[in-house]
Amino acid sequence: MVINKEAITSDFFVLSTRIAGAILQKFITYQFKLAIVGDFSGYTSQPLKDFISESNRGRDIFFVSSEEDAIGKLSRV
């Protein structure tokens, strides 16, 4: 699944709300892959940057800058 960052509430990107963890855990539990497409460079929170970086090293959740990147990541076996 590919979602544009603009379609997600800004609270998702505030890790203390725990929204991101709760939602992304559902994707992992039900074995769905997700790519969120957008510009994440404006976020200054180091924990959020670490969360994005760690997610991108995995196999299920990706934060990418383009739809092409999203398709590439989601197509990996």
Protein backbone atom coordinates (compact mmCIF):
# COMPACT_ATOMS: atom_id res chain seq x y z
CA MET A 1 0.00 0.00 0.00
CA VAL A 2 1.25 3.49 -0.84
CA ILE A 3 0.01 6.53 1.08
CA ASN A 4 0.89 10.17 0.55
CA LYS A 5 2.23 11.82 3.70
CA GLU A 6 -0.24 14.68 3.24
CA ALA A 7 -3.14 12.23 3.76
CA ILE A 8 -1.92 11.44 7.30
CA THR A 9 -2.66 13.52 10.36
CA SER A 10 0.35 15.47 11.64
CA ASP A 11 -0.10 13.78 15.05
CA PHE A 12 1.10 10.55 13.42
CA PHE A 13 4.58 12.09 13.22
CA VAL A 14 4.62 13.02 16.93
CA LEU A 15 5.86 9.76 18.40
CA SER A 16 4.66 10.58 21.91
CA THR A 17 1.06 10.25 20.68
CA ARG A 18 1.78 6.57 19.90
CA ILE A 19 -0.45 6.81 16.82
CA ALA A 20 2.33 5.75 14.44
CA GLY A 21 3.23 2.70 16.50
CA ALA A 22 -0.36 1.56 16.87
CA ILE A 23 -1.18 1.93 13.19
CA LEU A 24 2.06 0.52 11.82
CA GLN A 25 1.84 -2.48 14.14
CA LYS A 26 -1.50 -3.36 12.51
CA PHE A 27 0.15 -3.36 9.08
CA ILE A 28 2.87 -5.67 10.34
CA THR A 29 0.45 -7.96 12.20
CA TYR A 30 -1.71 -8.42 9.10
CA GLN A 31 1.36 -8.75 6.85
CA PHE A 32 0.74 -5.65 4.73
CA LYS A 33 3.64 -3.61 3.43
CA LEU A 34 3.31 0.16 3.54
CA ALA A 35 5.20 3.00 1.93
CA ILE A 36 4.53 6.57 3.01
CA VAL A 37 5.56 9.03 0.30
CA GLY A 38 6.59 12.58 1.06
CA ASP A 39 9.27 15.00 2.17
CA PHE A 40 10.35 14.14 5.71
CA SER A 41 13.31 16.52 5.82
CA GLY A 42 11.34 19.19 7.70
CA TYR A 43 11.02 17.10 10.83
CA THR A 44 13.55 18.00 13.52
CA SER A 45 12.73 15.34 16.11
CA GLN A 46 15.72 13.00 16.43
CA PRO A 47 13.52 10.13 17.71
CA LEU A 48 11.30 10.50 14.61
CA LYS A 49 14.33 10.59 12.32
CA ASP A 50 15.61 7.43 14.01
CA PHE A 51 12.17 5.80 13.68
CA ILE A 52 12.06 6.58 9.95
CA SER A 53 15.61 5.34 9.44
CA GLU A 54 14.96 2.11 11.34
CA SER A 55 11.71 1.50 9.44
CA ASN A 56 13.50 1.95 6.12
CA ARG A 57 16.01 -0.75 7.09
CA GLY A 58 13.19 -3.24 7.59
CA ARG A 59 11.00 -5.13 5.14
CA ASP A 60 7.49 -3.84 5.84
CA ILE A 61 7.27 -0.08 6.45
CA PHE A 62 9.03 2.57 4.36
CA PHE A 63 9.22 6.35 4.34
CA VAL A 64 10.25 7.40 0.83
CA SER A 65 10.40 10.53 -1.28
CA SER A 66 8.70 9.31 -4.47
CA GLU A 67 6.14 6.84 -5.75
CA GLU A 68 8.88 5.16 -7.78
CA ASP A 69 10.89 4.58 -4.58
CA ALA A 70 7.74 3.23 -2.90
CA ILE A 71 7.09 0.74 -5.69
CA GLY A 72 10.72 -0.34 -5.62
CA LYS A 73 10.72 -0.94 -1.87
CA LEU A 74 7.36 -2.72 -1.87
CA SER A 75 8.41 -4.95 -4.77
CA ARG A 76 11.37 -6.40 -2.93
CA VAL A 77 11.06 -10.07 -2.11
